Structures are given as C-alpha cells and as structure tokens.
C-alpha cells in the first residue's frame, strides 16, 4: 500500500455558488463589525458588484471559447484541404506568438 493517491484539484465556481459564499461573507463581516451594520452592507454591496463582474466575464469567456473553437475548426478545414500550406501557417502562427510575447513582456 505504498501507492500515493492522486491529488485532486477542485475549483469552486464562484458564480454558481455565490449565494452560499455571500452568506459566509456576511457572517464573517458581522463578526468583524458587530457595531457597524453600515460597513457590513457596504462590503456586501462591493462583493455583489464583484460577483456581477465575474458573471459577465464568465459569459464573455464562454463566447470567446466558442469563437475560438469555430476558428480552429475553420483553420483545420482549410489546412486539411490545402496541406501544402501547413508549414507557412505554422510559421505565421509562431511569428504572431513571438510578437504577442514581446508585447506582454513590455507591459
């Protein structure tokens, strides 16, 4: 029995589990600020706004993922019908990647 169990990486979807997370935050804030309910409400409003932003970002990421899959499928179809273009296509992709990498390093 010397085998190790694999480690599980569990991520919580904050958007779907927000009601539970908000209740726990509210409990913690009420403990930290028992005489200041305005501070609790203000903090919860900020958390609600942050939750709304996360939900919007998740929607945008889903659309981006779908568009990327469509573009990938189109490029595979193009390359499948023109296999002689594959080296040129890879060269262009690597060039764009290097340009992007330089831009990210400059930030």
PDB file of N, CA and C in Angstrom:
ATOM      1  N   UNK A   1       0.819  -1.198   0.000  1.00  0.00           N
ATOM      2  CA  UNK A   1       0.000   0.000   0.000  1.00  0.00           C
ATOM      3  C   UNK A   1       0.863   1.263   0.000  1.00  0.00           C
ATOM      4  N   UNK A   2       1.960   1.217  -0.735  1.00  0.00           N
ATOM      5  CA  UNK A   2       2.818   2.386  -0.796  1.00  0.00           C
ATOM      6  C   UNK A   2       2.406   3.347  -1.908  1.00  0.00           C
ATOM      7  N   UNK A   3       1.367   3.018  -2.636  1.00  0.00           N
ATOM      8  CA  UNK A   3       0.909   3.892  -3.710  1.00  0.00           C
ATOM      9  C   UNK A   3       0.273   5.150  -3.142  1.00  0.00           C
ATOM     10  N   UNK A   4       0.595   6.258  -3.765  1.00  0.00           N
ATOM     11  CA  UNK A   4       0.012   7.528  -3.334  1.00  0.00           C
ATOM     12  C   UNK A   4      -1.290   7.758  -4.078  1.00  0.00           C
ATOM     13  N   UNK A   5      -2.192   8.383  -3.397  1.00  0.00           N
ATOM     14  CA  UNK A   5      -3.446   8.778  -4.049  1.00  0.00           C
ATOM     15  C   UNK A   5      -3.185   9.987  -4.931  1.00  0.00           C
ATOM     16  N   UNK A   6      -3.855  10.052  -6.050  1.00  0.00           N
ATOM     17  CA  UNK A   6      -3.671  11.249  -6.890  1.00  0.00           C
ATOM     18  C   UNK A   6      -4.268  12.468  -6.206  1.00  0.00           C
ATOM     19  N   UNK A   7      -3.620  13.597  -6.404  1.00  0.00           N
ATOM     20  CA  UNK A   7      -4.124  14.842  -5.828  1.00  0.00           C
ATOM     21  C   UNK A   7      -5.246  15.363  -6.706  1.00  0.00           C
ATOM     22  N   UNK A   8      -6.282  15.786  -6.063  1.00  0.00           N
ATOM     23  CA  UNK A   8      -7.413  16.353  -6.792  1.00  0.00           C
ATOM     24  C   UNK A   8      -7.349  17.866  -6.723  1.00  0.00           C
ATOM     25  N   UNK A   9      -7.545  18.474  -7.847  1.00  0.00           N
ATOM     26  CA  UNK A   9      -7.592  19.924  -7.907  1.00  0.00           C
ATOM     27  C   UNK A   9      -9.055  20.318  -8.104  1.00  0.00           C
ATOM     28  N   UNK A  10      -9.674  20.775  -7.048  1.00  0.00           N
ATOM     29  CA  UNK A  10     -11.087  21.133  -7.102  1.00  0.00           C
ATOM     30  C   UNK A  10     -11.204  22.645  -7.118  1.00  0.00           C
ATOM     31  N   UNK A  11     -11.879  23.140  -8.126  1.00  0.00           N
ATOM     32  CA  UNK A  11     -12.116  24.577  -8.220  1.00  0.00           C
ATOM     33  C   UNK A  11     -13.593  24.851  -7.987  1.00  0.00           C
ATOM     34  N   UNK A  12     -13.845  25.873  -7.210  1.00  0.00           N
ATOM     35  CA  UNK A  12     -15.221  26.261  -6.922  1.00  0.00           C
ATOM     36  C   UNK A  12     -15.642  27.306  -7.946  1.00  0.00           C
ATOM     37  N   UNK A  13     -16.783  27.100  -8.531  1.00  0.00           N
ATOM     38  CA  UNK A  13     -17.325  28.099  -9.440  1.00  0.00           C
ATOM     39  C   UNK A  13     -18.003  29.167  -8.586  1.00  0.00           C
ATOM     40  N   UNK A  14     -17.323  30.301  -8.457  1.00  0.00           N
ATOM     41  CA  UNK A  14     -17.811  31.367  -7.577  1.00  0.00           C
ATOM     42  C   UNK A  14     -19.128  31.958  -8.047  1.00  0.00           C
ATOM     43  N   UNK A  15     -19.363  31.918  -9.348  1.00  0.00           N
ATOM     44  CA  UNK A  15     -20.593  32.498  -9.880  1.00  0.00           C
ATOM     45  C   UNK A  15     -21.792  31.642  -9.477  1.00  0.00           C
ATOM     46  N   UNK A  16     -21.667  30.329  -9.619  1.00  0.00           N
ATOM     47  CA  UNK A  16     -22.783  29.439  -9.294  1.00  0.00           C
ATOM     48  C   UNK A  16     -22.994  29.305  -7.784  1.00  0.00           C
ATOM     49  N   UNK A  17     -21.915  29.386  -7.011  1.00  0.00           N
ATOM     50  CA  UNK A  17     -22.005  29.192  -5.568  1.00  0.00           C
ATOM     51  C   UNK A  17     -22.057  30.504  -4.796  1.00  0.00           C
ATOM     52  N   UNK A  18     -22.355  31.589  -5.458  1.00  0.00           N
ATOM     53  CA  UNK A  18     -22.323  32.888  -4.804  1.00  0.00           C
ATOM     54  C   UNK A  18     -23.296  33.023  -3.630  1.00  0.00           C
ATOM     55  N   UNK A  19     -24.517  32.504  -3.703  1.00  0.00           N
ATOM     56  CA  UNK A  19     -25.395  32.664  -2.527  1.00  0.00           C
ATOM     57  C   UNK A  19     -24.778  32.083  -1.251  1.00  0.00           C
ATOM     58  N   UNK A  20     -24.162  30.926  -1.350  1.00  0.00           N
ATOM     59  CA  UNK A  20     -23.513  30.327  -0.175  1.00  0.00           C
ATOM     60  C   UNK A  20     -22.321  31.178   0.263  1.00  0.00           C
ATOM     61  N   UNK A  21     -21.519  31.597  -0.702  1.00  0.00           N
ATOM     62  CA  UNK A  21     -20.337  32.403  -0.387  1.00  0.00           C
ATOM     63  C   UNK A  21     -20.749  33.716   0.251  1.00  0.00           C
ATOM     64  N   UNK A  22     -21.833  34.312  -0.249  1.00  0.00           N
ATOM     65  CA  UNK A  22     -22.297  35.593   0.302  1.00  0.00           C
ATOM     66  C   UNK A  22     -22.752  35.438   1.750  1.00  0.00           C
ATOM     67  N   UNK A  23     -23.454  34.338   2.055  1.00  0.00           N
ATOM     68  CA  UNK A  23     -23.883  34.098   3.440  1.00  0.00           C
ATOM     69  C   UNK A  23     -22.679  33.968   4.364  1.00  0.00           C
ATOM     70  N   UNK A  24     -21.659  33.236   3.911  1.00  0.00           N
ATOM     71  CA  UNK A  24     -20.459  33.070   4.728  1.00  0.00           C
ATOM     72  C   UNK A  24     -19.730  34.408   4.907  1.00  0.00           C
ATOM     73  N   UNK A  25     -19.655  35.199   3.851  1.00  0.00           N
ATOM     74  CA  UNK A  25     -19.046  36.527   3.954  1.00  0.00           C
ATOM     75  C   UNK A  25     -19.814  37.410   4.926  1.00  0.00           C
ATOM     76  N   UNK A  26     -21.128  37.332   4.833  1.00  0.00           N
ATOM     77  CA  UNK A  26     -21.960  38.143   5.729  1.00  0.00           C
ATOM     78  C   UNK A  26     -21.718  37.757   7.185  1.00  0.00           C
ATOM     79  N   UNK A  27     -21.627  36.457   7.467  1.00  0.00           N
ATOM     80  CA  UNK A  27     -21.344  36.003   8.836  1.00  0.00           C
ATOM     81  C   UNK A  27     -19.998  36.528   9.315  1.00  0.00           C
ATOM     82  N   UNK A  28     -18.976  36.419   8.459  1.00  0.00           N
ATOM     83  CA  UNK A  28     -17.648  36.903   8.838  1.00  0.00           C
ATOM     84  C   UNK A  28     -17.640  38.405   9.068  1.00  0.00           C
ATOM     85  N   UNK A  29     -18.306  39.148   8.185  1.00  0.00           N
ATOM     86  CA  UNK A  29     -18.352  40.596   8.350  1.00  0.00           C
ATOM     87  C   UNK A  29     -19.103  41.001   9.612  1.00  0.00           C
ATOM     88  N   UNK A  30     -20.171  40.294   9.917  1.00  0.00           N
ATOM     89  CA  UNK A  30     -20.920  40.608  11.141  1.00  0.00           C
ATOM     90  C   UNK A  30     -20.092  40.311  12.391  1.00  0.00           C
ATOM     91  N   UNK A  31     -19.241  39.296  12.317  1.00  0.00           N
ATOM     92  CA  UNK A  31     -18.338  39.017  13.451  1.00  0.00           C
ATOM     93  C   UNK A  31     -17.295  40.121  13.576  1.00  0.00           C
ATOM     94  N   UNK A  32     -16.763  40.558  12.447  1.00  0.00           N
ATOM     95  CA  UNK A  32     -15.697  41.561  12.475  1.00  0.00           C
ATOM     96  C   UNK A  32     -16.204  42.967  12.799  1.00  0.00           C
ATOM     97  N   UNK A  33     -17.442  43.272  12.395  1.00  0.00           N
ATOM     98  CA  UNK A  33     -18.008  44.607  12.628  1.00  0.00           C
ATOM     99  C   UNK A  33     -19.364  44.496  13.318  1.00  0.00           C
ATOM    100  N   UNK A  34     -19.381  44.055  14.569  1.00  0.00           N
ATOM    101  CA  UNK A  34     -20.683  43.862  15.232  1.00  0.00           C
ATOM    102  C   UNK A  34     -21.451  45.155  15.480  1.00  0.00           C
ATOM    103  N   UNK A  35     -20.740  46.270  15.681  1.00  0.00           N
ATOM    104  CA  UNK A  35     -21.426  47.535  15.950  1.00  0.00           C
ATOM    105  C   UNK A  35     -21.566  48.410  14.717  1.00  0.00           C
ATOM    106  N   UNK A  36     -21.228  47.887  13.562  1.00  0.00           N
ATOM    107  CA  UNK A  36     -21.236  48.718  12.370  1.00  0.00           C
ATOM    108  C   UNK A  36     -21.949  48.010  11.206  1.00  0.00           C
ATOM    109  N   UNK A  37     -23.294  47.972  11.243  1.00  0.00           N
ATOM    110  CA  UNK A  37     -24.019  47.293  10.157  1.00  0.00           C
ATOM    111  C   UNK A  37     -23.887  48.009   8.803  1.00  0.00           C
ATOM    112  N   UNK A  38     -23.602  49.321   8.827  1.00  0.00           N
ATOM    113  CA  UNK A  38     -23.408  50.038   7.568  1.00  0.00           C
ATOM    114  C   UNK A  38     -22.170  49.513   6.830  1.00  0.00           C
ATOM    115  N   UNK A  39     -21.115  49.229   7.583  1.00  0.00           N
ATOM    116  CA  UNK A  39     -19.884  48.697   6.995  1.00  0.00           C
ATOM    117  C   UNK A  39     -20.142  47.319   6.386  1.00  0.00           C
ATOM    118  N   UNK A  40     -20.953  46.510   7.059  1.00  0.00           N
ATOM    119  CA  UNK A  40     -21.289  45.181   6.554  1.00  0.00           C
ATOM    120  C   UNK A  40     -22.051  45.311   5.233  1.00  0.00           C
ATOM    121  N   UNK A  41     -23.047  46.189   5.203  1.00  0.00           N
ATOM    122  CA  UNK A  41     -23.838  46.376   3.989  1.00  0.00           C
ATOM    123  C   UNK A  41     -22.991  46.934   2.848  1.00  0.00           C
ATOM    124  N   UNK A  42     -22.123  47.868   3.165  1.00  0.00           N
ATOM    125  CA  UNK A  42     -21.263  48.445   2.136  1.00  0.00           C
ATOM    126  C   UNK A  42     -20.333  47.375   1.543  1.00  0.00           C
ATOM    127  N   UNK A  43     -19.767  46.567   2.407  1.00  0.00           N
ATOM    128  CA  UNK A  43     -18.873  45.495   1.933  1.00  0.00           C
ATOM    129  C   UNK A  43     -19.632  44.478   1.092  1.00  0.00           C
ATOM    130  N   UNK A  44     -20.845  44.144   1.519  1.00  0.00           N
ATOM    131  CA  UNK A  44     -21.649  43.192   0.747  1.00  0.00           C
ATOM    132  C   UNK A  44     -22.033  43.762  -0.619  1.00  0.00           C
ATOM    133  N   UNK A  45     -22.281  45.058  -0.677  1.00  0.00           N
ATOM    134  CA  UNK A  45     -22.571  45.689  -1.971  1.00  0.00           C
ATOM    135  C   UNK A  45     -21.375  45.579  -2.905  1.00  0.00           C
ATOM    136  N   UNK A  46     -20.166  45.776  -2.364  1.00  0.00           N
ATOM    137  CA  UNK A  46     -18.962  45.633  -3.180  1.00  0.00           C
ATOM    138  C   UNK A  46     -18.810  44.197  -3.667  1.00  0.00           C
ATOM    139  N   UNK A  47     -19.083  43.246  -2.792  1.00  0.00           N
ATOM    140  CA  UNK A  47     -18.999  41.843  -3.190  1.00  0.00           C
ATOM    141  C   UNK A  47     -20.049  41.504  -4.247  1.00  0.00           C
ATOM    142  N   UNK A  48     -21.227  42.094  -4.132  1.00  0.00           N
ATOM    143  CA  UNK A  48     -22.268  41.870  -5.144  1.00  0.00           C
ATOM    144  C   UNK A  48     -21.837  42.421  -6.506  1.00  0.00           C
ATOM    145  N   UNK A  49     -21.241  43.607  -6.501  1.00  0.00           N
ATOM    146  CA  UNK A  49     -20.756  44.190  -7.751  1.00  0.00           C
ATOM    147  C   UNK A  49     -19.643  43.333  -8.354  1.00  0.00           C
ATOM    148  N   UNK A  50     -18.763  42.837  -7.497  1.00  0.00           N
ATOM    149  CA  UNK A  50     -17.689  41.962  -7.969  1.00  0.00           C
ATOM    150  C   UNK A  50     -18.257  40.672  -8.547  1.00  0.00           C
ATOM    151  N   UNK A  51     -19.285  40.148  -7.904  1.00  0.00           N
ATOM    152  CA  UNK A  51     -19.948  38.938  -8.408  1.00  0.00           C
ATOM    153  C   UNK A  51     -20.563  39.195  -9.788  1.00  0.00           C
ATOM    154  N   UNK A  52     -21.204  40.350  -9.950  1.00  0.00           N
ATOM    155  CA  UNK A  52     -21.795  40.689 -11.245  1.00  0.00           C
ATOM    156  C   UNK A  52     -20.720  40.760 -12.327  1.00  0.00           C
ATOM    157  N   UNK A  53     -19.576  41.359 -11.995  1.00  0.00           N
ATOM    158  CA  UNK A  53     -18.476  41.429 -12.957  1.00  0.00           C
ATOM    159  C   UNK A  53     -17.957  40.034 -13.320  1.00  0.00           C
ATOM    160  N   UNK A  54     -17.826  39.175 -12.309  1.00  0.00           N
ATOM    161  CA  UNK A  54     -17.360  37.817 -12.575  1.00  0.00           C
ATOM    162  C   UNK A  54     -18.345  37.060 -13.456  1.00  0.00           C
ATOM    163  N   UNK A  55     -19.631  37.259 -13.226  1.00  0.00           N
ATOM    164  CA  UNK A  55     -20.642  36.593 -14.049  1.00  0.00           C
ATOM    165  C   UNK A  55     -20.560  37.075 -15.494  1.00  0.00           C
ATOM    166  N   UNK A  56     -20.390  38.373 -15.684  1.00  0.00           N
ATOM    167  CA  UNK A  56     -20.256  38.917 -17.041  1.00  0.00           C
ATOM    168  C   UNK A  56     -18.988  38.404 -17.715  1.00  0.00           C
ATOM    169  N   UNK A  57     -17.904  38.348 -16.958  1.00  0.00           N
ATOM    170  CA  UNK A  57     -16.651  37.837 -17.516  1.00  0.00           C
ATOM    171  C   UNK A  57     -16.793  36.376 -17.927  1.00  0.00           C
ATOM    172  N   UNK A  58     -17.504  35.610 -17.127  1.00  0.00           N
ATOM    173  CA  UNK A  58     -17.701  34.204 -17.460  1.00  0.00           C
ATOM    174  C   UNK A  58     -18.514  34.057 -18.752  1.00  0.00           C
ATOM    175  N   UNK A  59     -19.536  34.889 -18.917  1.00  0.00           N
ATOM    176  CA  UNK A  59     -20.325  34.861 -20.152  1.00  0.00           C
ATOM    177  C   UNK A  59     -19.459  35.222 -21.360  1.00  0.00           C
ATOM    178  N   UNK A  60     -18.643  36.244 -21.193  1.00  0.00           N
ATOM    179  CA  UNK A  60     -17.762  36.666 -22.285  1.00  0.00           C
ATOM    180  C   UNK A  60     -16.772  35.557 -22.625  1.00  0.00           C
ATOM    181  N   UNK A  61     -16.213  34.909 -21.614  1.00  0.00           N
ATOM    182  CA  UNK A  61     -15.254  33.836 -21.861  1.00  0.00           C
ATOM    183  C   UNK A  61     -15.905  32.660 -22.587  1.00  0.00           C
ATOM    184  N   UNK A  62     -17.145  32.373 -22.283  1.00  0.00           N
ATOM    185  CA  UNK A  62     -17.848  31.298 -22.993  1.00  0.00           C
ATOM    186  C   UNK A  62     -17.994  31.635 -24.479  1.00  0.00           C
ATOM    187  N   UNK A  63     -18.346  32.882 -24.774  1.00  0.00           N
ATOM    188  CA  UNK A  63     -18.478  33.309 -26.171  1.00  0.00           C
ATOM    189  C   UNK A  63     -17.122  33.252 -26.870  1.00  0.00           C
ATOM    190  N   UNK A  64     -16.073  33.727 -26.191  1.00  0.00           N
ATOM    191  CA  UNK A  64     -14.730  33.706 -26.776  1.00  0.00           C
ATOM    192  C   UNK A  64     -14.295  32.264 -27.044  1.00  0.00           C
ATOM    193  N   UNK A  65     -14.550  31.372 -26.100  1.00  0.00           N
ATOM    194  CA  UNK A  65     -14.198  29.963 -26.285  1.00  0.00           C
ATOM    195  C   UNK A  65     -14.917  29.373 -27.494  1.00  0.00           C
ATOM    196  N   UNK A  66     -16.190  29.681 -27.636  1.00  0.00           N
ATOM    197  CA  UNK A  66     -16.942  29.166 -28.784  1.00  0.00           C
ATOM    198  C   UNK A  66     -16.381  29.702 -30.095  1.00  0.00           C
ATOM    199  N   UNK A  67     -16.054  30.982 -30.123  1.00  0.00           N
ATOM    200  CA  UNK A  67     -15.499  31.577 -31.338  1.00  0.00           C
ATOM    201  C   UNK A  67     -14.122  30.996 -31.660  1.00  0.00           C
ATOM    202  N   UNK A  68     -13.335  30.732 -30.628  1.00  0.00           N
ATOM    203  CA  UNK A  68     -12.024  30.132 -30.855  1.00  0.00           C
ATOM    204  C   UNK A  68     -12.163  28.718 -31.417  1.00  0.00           C
ATOM    205  N   UNK A  69     -13.124  27.975 -30.913  1.00  0.00           N
ATOM    206  CA  UNK A  69     -13.344  26.628 -31.436  1.00  0.00           C
ATOM    207  C   UNK A  69     -13.790  26.669 -32.894  1.00  0.00           C
ATOM    208  N   UNK A  70     -14.666  27.626 -33.220  1.00  0.00           N
ATOM    209  CA  UNK A  70     -15.098  27.774 -34.614  1.00  0.00           C
ATOM    210  C   UNK A  70     -13.911  28.127 -35.520  1.00  0.00           C
ATOM    211  N   UNK A  71     -13.082  29.058 -35.067  1.00  0.00           N
ATOM    212  CA  UNK A  71     -11.922  29.465 -35.862  1.00  0.00           C
ATOM    213  C   UNK A  71     -10.944  28.309 -36.019  1.00  0.00           C
ATOM    214  N   UNK A  72     -10.757  27.557 -34.951  1.00  0.00           N
ATOM    215  CA  UNK A  72      -9.864  26.397 -35.030  1.00  0.00           C
ATOM    216  C   UNK A  72     -10.386  25.374 -36.026  1.00  0.00           C
ATOM    217  N   UNK A  73     -11.684  25.145 -35.986  1.00  0.00           N
ATOM    218  CA  UNK A  73     -12.278  24.186 -36.916  1.00  0.00           C
ATOM    219  C   UNK A  73     -12.139  24.665 -38.361  1.00  0.00           C
ATOM    220  N   UNK A  74     -12.334  25.968 -38.585  1.00  0.00           N
ATOM    221  CA  UNK A  74     -12.179  26.522 -39.926  1.00  0.00           C
ATOM    222  C   UNK A  74     -10.744  26.371 -40.420  1.00  0.00           C
ATOM    223  N   UNK A  75      -9.794  26.655 -39.521  1.00  0.00           N
ATOM    224  CA  UNK A  75      -8.392  26.550 -39.934  1.00  0.00           C
ATOM    225  C   UNK A  75      -8.014  25.100 -40.214  1.00  0.00           C
ATOM    226  N   UNK A  76      -8.529  24.167 -39.415  1.00  0.00           N
ATOM    227  CA  UNK A  76      -8.241  22.755 -39.685  1.00  0.00           C
ATOM    228  C   UNK A  76      -8.852  22.316 -41.010  1.00  0.00           C
ATOM    229  N   UNK A  77     -10.024  22.815 -41.315  1.00  0.00           N
ATOM    230  CA  UNK A  77     -10.653  22.501 -42.599  1.00  0.00           C
ATOM    231  C   UNK A  77      -9.817  23.068 -43.752  1.00  0.00           C
ATOM    232  N   UNK A  78      -9.367  24.307 -43.599  1.00  0.00           N
ATOM    233  CA  UNK A  78      -8.536  24.931 -44.621  1.00  0.00           C
ATOM    234  C   UNK A  78      -7.237  24.152 -44.815  1.00  0.00           C
ATOM    235  N   UNK A  79      -6.587  23.819 -43.711  1.00  0.00           N
ATOM    236  CA  UNK A  79      -5.315  23.106 -43.808  1.00  0.00           C
ATOM    237  C   UNK A  79      -5.505  21.683 -44.318  1.00  0.00           C
ATOM    238  N   UNK A  80      -6.651  21.101 -43.994  1.00  0.00           N
ATOM    239  CA  UNK A  80      -6.921  19.751 -44.488  1.00  0.00           C
ATOM    240  C   UNK A  80      -7.102  19.733 -45.990  1.00  0.00           C
ATOM    241  N   UNK A  81      -7.669  20.792 -46.528  1.00  0.00           N
ATOM    242  CA  UNK A  81      -7.878  20.833 -47.970  1.00  0.00           C
ATOM    243  C   UNK A  81      -6.644  21.342 -48.719  1.00  0.00           C
ATOM    244  N   UNK A  82      -5.741  22.016 -48.004  1.00  0.00           N
ATOM    245  CA  UNK A  82      -4.506  22.531 -48.615  1.00  0.00           C
ATOM    246  C   UNK A  82      -3.299  22.162 -47.742  1.00  0.00           C
ATOM    247  N   UNK A  83      -2.881  20.904 -47.719  1.00  0.00           N
ATOM    248  CA  UNK A  83      -1.790  20.518 -46.820  1.00  0.00           C
ATOM    249  C   UNK A  83      -0.454  21.195 -47.121  1.00  0.00           C
ATOM    250  N   UNK A  84      -0.270  21.694 -48.326  1.00  0.00           N
ATOM    251  CA  UNK A  84       0.987  22.370 -48.664  1.00  0.00           C
ATOM    252  C   UNK A  84       1.138  23.694 -47.914  1.00  0.00           C
ATOM    253  N   UNK A  85       0.035  24.222 -47.335  1.00  0.00           N
ATOM    254  CA  UNK A  85       0.069  25.496 -46.616  1.00  0.00           C
ATOM    255  C   UNK A  85       0.429  25.333 -45.151  1.00  0.00           C
ATOM    256  N   UNK A  86       0.505  24.102 -44.656  1.00  0.00           N
ATOM    257  CA  UNK A  86       0.749  23.882 -43.228  1.00  0.00           C
ATOM    258  C   UNK A  86       2.052  24.530 -42.756  1.00  0.00           C
ATOM    259  N   UNK A  87       3.211  24.322 -43.402  1.00  0.00           N
ATOM    260  CA  UNK A  87       4.440  24.976 -42.909  1.00  0.00           C
ATOM    261  C   UNK A  87       4.321  26.503 -42.877  1.00  0.00           C
ATOM    262  N   UNK A  88       3.716  27.103 -43.899  1.00  0.00           N
ATOM    263  CA  UNK A  88       3.532  28.549 -43.938  1.00  0.00           C
ATOM    264  C   UNK A  88       2.631  28.996 -42.781  1.00  0.00           C
ATOM    265  N   UNK A  89       1.564  28.255 -42.531  1.00  0.00           N
ATOM    266  CA  UNK A  89       0.620  28.589 -41.461  1.00  0.00           C
ATOM    267  C   UNK A  89       1.314  28.525 -40.098  1.00  0.00           C
ATOM    268  N   UNK A  90       2.112  27.498 -39.883  1.00  0.00           N
ATOM    269  CA  UNK A  90       2.833  27.356 -38.612  1.00  0.00           C
ATOM    270  C   UNK A  90       3.836  28.493 -38.456  1.00  0.00           C
ATOM    271  N   UNK A  91       4.491  28.864 -39.534  1.00  0.00           N
ATOM    272  CA  UNK A  91       5.441  29.966 -39.499  1.00  0.00           C
ATOM    273  C   UNK A  91       4.738  31.272 -39.116  1.00  0.00           C
ATOM    274  N   UNK A  92       3.584  31.517 -39.677  1.00  0.00           N
ATOM    275  CA  UNK A  92       2.829  32.729 -39.354  1.00  0.00           C
ATOM    276  C   UNK A  92       2.362  32.726 -37.897  1.00  0.00           C
ATOM    277  N   UNK A  93       1.911  31.571 -37.437  1.00  0.00           N
ATOM    278  CA  UNK A  93       1.469  31.474 -36.040  1.00  0.00           C
ATOM    279  C   UNK A  93       2.621  31.727 -35.077  1.00  0.00           C
ATOM    280  N   UNK A  94       3.772  31.141 -35.336  1.00  0.00           N
ATOM    281  CA  UNK A  94       4.914  31.341 -34.445  1.00  0.00           C
ATOM    282  C   UNK A  94       5.369  32.795 -34.469  1.00  0.00           C
ATOM    283  N   UNK A  95       5.294  33.445 -35.621  1.00  0.00           N
ATOM    284  CA  UNK A  95       5.653  34.856 -35.718  1.00  0.00           C
ATOM    285  C   UNK A  95       4.706  35.720 -34.887  1.00  0.00           C
ATOM    286  N   UNK A  96       3.404  35.461 -35.002  1.00  0.00           N
ATOM    287  CA  UNK A  96       2.418  36.217 -34.216  1.00  0.00           C
ATOM    288  C   UNK A  96       2.579  35.949 -32.722  1.00  0.00           C
ATOM    289  N   UNK A  97       2.920  34.709 -32.376  1.00  0.00           N
ATOM    290  CA  UNK A  97       3.125  34.368 -30.967  1.00  0.00           C
ATOM    291  C   UNK A  97       4.324  35.128 -30.404  1.00  0.00           C
ATOM    292  N   UNK A  98       5.412  35.191 -31.147  1.00  0.00           N
ATOM    293  CA  UNK A  98       6.602  35.912 -30.680  1.00  0.00           C
ATOM    294  C   UNK A  98       6.300  37.396 -30.513  1.00  0.00           C
ATOM    295  N   UNK A  99       5.534  37.975 -31.423  1.00  0.00           N
ATOM    296  CA  UNK A  99       5.139  39.379 -31.306  1.00  0.00           C
ATOM    297  C   UNK A  99       4.290  39.602 -30.073  1.00  0.00           C
ATOM    298  N   UNK A 100       3.354  38.696 -29.819  1.00  0.00           N
ATOM    299  CA  UNK A 100       2.498  38.807 -28.636  1.00  0.00           C
ATOM    300  C   UNK A 100       3.328  38.694 -27.367  1.00  0.00           C
ATOM    301  N   UNK A 101       4.287  37.759 -27.376  1.00  0.00           N
ATOM    302  CA  UNK A 101       5.138  37.546 -26.202  1.00  0.00           C
ATOM    303  C   UNK A 101       5.948  38.800 -25.895  1.00  0.00           C
ATOM    304  N   UNK A 102       6.477  39.464 -26.928  1.00  0.00           N
ATOM    305  CA  UNK A 102       7.227  40.697 -26.728  1.00  0.00           C
ATOM    306  C   UNK A 102       6.345  41.796 -26.145  1.00  0.00           C
ATOM    307  N   UNK A 103       5.111  41.890 -26.634  1.00  0.00           N
ATOM    308  CA  UNK A 103       4.180  42.888 -26.113  1.00  0.00           C
ATOM    309  C   UNK A 103       3.865  42.631 -24.644  1.00  0.00           C
ATOM    310  N   UNK A 104       3.697  41.373 -24.276  1.00  0.00           N
ATOM    311  CA  UNK A 104       3.401  41.039 -22.880  1.00  0.00           C
ATOM    312  C   UNK A 104       4.588  41.337 -21.975  1.00  0.00           C
ATOM    313  N   UNK A 105       5.790  41.113 -22.463  1.00  0.00           N
ATOM    314  CA  UNK A 105       6.990  41.401 -21.655  1.00  0.00           C
ATOM    315  C   UNK A 105       7.165  42.889 -21.436  1.00  0.00           C
ATOM    316  N   UNK A 106       6.730  43.695 -22.404  1.00  0.00           N
ATOM    317  CA  UNK A 106       6.856  45.143 -22.284  1.00  0.00           C
ATOM    318  C   UNK A 106       5.878  45.719 -21.281  1.00  0.00           C
ATOM    319  N   UNK A 107       4.806  45.019 -21.023  1.00  0.00           N
ATOM    320  CA  UNK A 107       3.793  45.521 -20.070  1.00  0.00           C
ATOM    321  C   UNK A 107       4.287  45.452 -18.684  1.00  0.00           C
TER     322      UNK A 107
END
